[in-house]
Amino acid sequence: MAAVDPSQFSALGKFFPELTELQAVHVCMLVFNHLSVEELAELRDIAPNTVKESMSSAQKKLGVSSMKLLRTSVINRVLLHIAIYIFKE
């Protein structure tokens, strides 16, 4: 697996104030690198169940009921913030 630097995603954490910084980074890594929970766990050298628990907590905080909806919600929120930034100029 190619190396992925988690710090690439830390700036996106500001779009998810209800998540911890680590949850925001993990969610963004899952969504924007198209990683599975198992791949993220391997990359971060943590147990897959730890990632699953973190993602379950993130789902609750963001008010979504599945990983599919979590991915959609994350993409929509990031795109919304980008659009606001562009049209604010």
Protein backbone atom coordinates (compact mmCIF):
# COMPACT_ATOMS: atom_id res chain seq x y z
CA MET A 1 0.00 0.00 0.00
CA ALA A 2 1.32 3.45 -0.88
CA ALA A 3 2.25 5.66 2.02
CA VAL A 4 -0.41 8.16 3.03
CA ASP A 5 0.48 11.07 5.26
CA PRO A 6 -2.38 11.68 7.74
CA SER A 7 -1.29 15.31 8.11
CA GLN A 8 -2.58 15.90 4.56
CA PHE A 9 -6.08 15.68 5.99
CA SER A 10 -5.70 17.62 9.22
CA ALA A 11 -6.77 20.91 7.59
CA LEU A 12 -10.12 19.33 6.68
CA GLY A 13 -10.79 18.75 10.38
CA LYS A 14 -12.08 22.31 10.69
CA PHE A 15 -15.08 21.26 8.61
CA PHE A 16 -16.02 18.71 11.28
CA PRO A 17 -15.97 20.49 14.65
CA GLU A 18 -18.13 17.82 16.24
CA LEU A 19 -15.44 15.18 15.63
CA THR A 20 -12.16 14.76 17.41
CA GLU A 21 -9.12 15.70 15.32
CA LEU A 22 -8.21 12.03 14.96
CA GLN A 23 -11.75 11.06 13.91
CA ALA A 24 -11.80 13.83 11.30
CA VAL A 25 -8.46 12.68 9.89
CA HIS A 26 -9.58 9.05 9.80
CA VAL A 27 -12.91 9.89 8.17
CA CYS A 28 -11.18 11.98 5.51
CA MET A 29 -8.58 9.28 4.90
CA LEU A 30 -11.32 6.70 4.43
CA VAL A 31 -13.32 8.89 2.08
CA PHE A 32 -10.71 10.66 -0.01
CA ASN A 33 -8.23 7.80 -0.31
CA HIS A 34 -10.98 5.22 -0.81
CA LEU A 35 -9.57 3.12 2.02
CA SER A 36 -11.38 0.33 3.78
CA VAL A 37 -11.46 0.16 7.56
CA GLU A 38 -8.94 -2.67 7.41
CA GLU A 39 -6.57 -0.69 5.16
CA LEU A 40 -6.78 2.34 7.44
CA ALA A 41 -6.09 0.17 10.49
CA GLU A 42 -3.06 -1.36 8.77
CA LEU A 43 -1.80 2.04 7.66
CA ARG A 44 -2.16 3.53 11.16
CA ASP A 45 -0.90 0.33 12.83
CA ILE A 46 -4.01 -0.03 14.98
CA ALA A 47 -6.63 -2.74 15.35
CA PRO A 48 -9.50 -2.73 12.83
CA ASN A 49 -11.97 -2.76 15.72
CA THR A 50 -10.46 0.51 16.98
CA VAL A 51 -11.15 2.12 13.59
CA LYS A 52 -14.67 0.63 13.52
CA GLU A 53 -15.45 2.03 16.97
CA SER A 54 -14.09 5.43 15.99
CA MET A 55 -16.13 5.46 12.78
CA SER A 56 -19.25 4.37 14.66
CA SER A 57 -18.78 7.28 17.04
CA ALA A 58 -18.20 9.65 14.10
CA GLN A 59 -21.40 8.40 12.44
CA LYS A 60 -23.39 9.16 15.58
CA LYS A 61 -21.84 12.62 15.95
CA LEU A 62 -22.60 13.44 12.30
CA GLY A 63 -26.10 11.96 12.46
CA VAL A 64 -25.67 9.26 9.81
CA SER A 65 -26.52 5.59 10.07
CA SER A 66 -24.02 3.87 7.78
CA MET A 67 -20.54 4.12 6.32
CA LYS A 68 -22.08 4.86 2.91
CA LEU A 69 -23.96 7.83 4.35
CA LEU A 70 -20.87 8.90 6.27
CA ARG A 71 -18.88 9.04 3.04
CA THR A 72 -21.64 11.03 1.32
CA SER A 73 -21.97 13.42 4.24
CA VAL A 74 -18.21 14.06 4.39
CA ILE A 75 -17.94 14.73 0.66
CA ASN A 76 -20.96 17.05 0.71
CA ARG A 77 -19.68 19.04 3.67
CA VAL A 78 -16.21 19.52 2.18
CA LEU A 79 -17.66 20.53 -1.19
CA LEU A 80 -20.04 22.96 0.50
CA HIS A 81 -17.16 24.66 2.34
CA ILE A 82 -15.14 24.87 -0.87
CA ALA A 83 -18.09 26.42 -2.71
CA ILE A 84 -18.63 28.95 0.07
CA TYR A 85 -14.95 29.88 -0.06
CA ILE A 86 -14.96 30.27 -3.85
CA PHE A 87 -18.11 32.36 -4.04
CA LYS A 88 -17.14 34.48 -1.05
CA GLU A 89 -14.20 35.89 -3.02
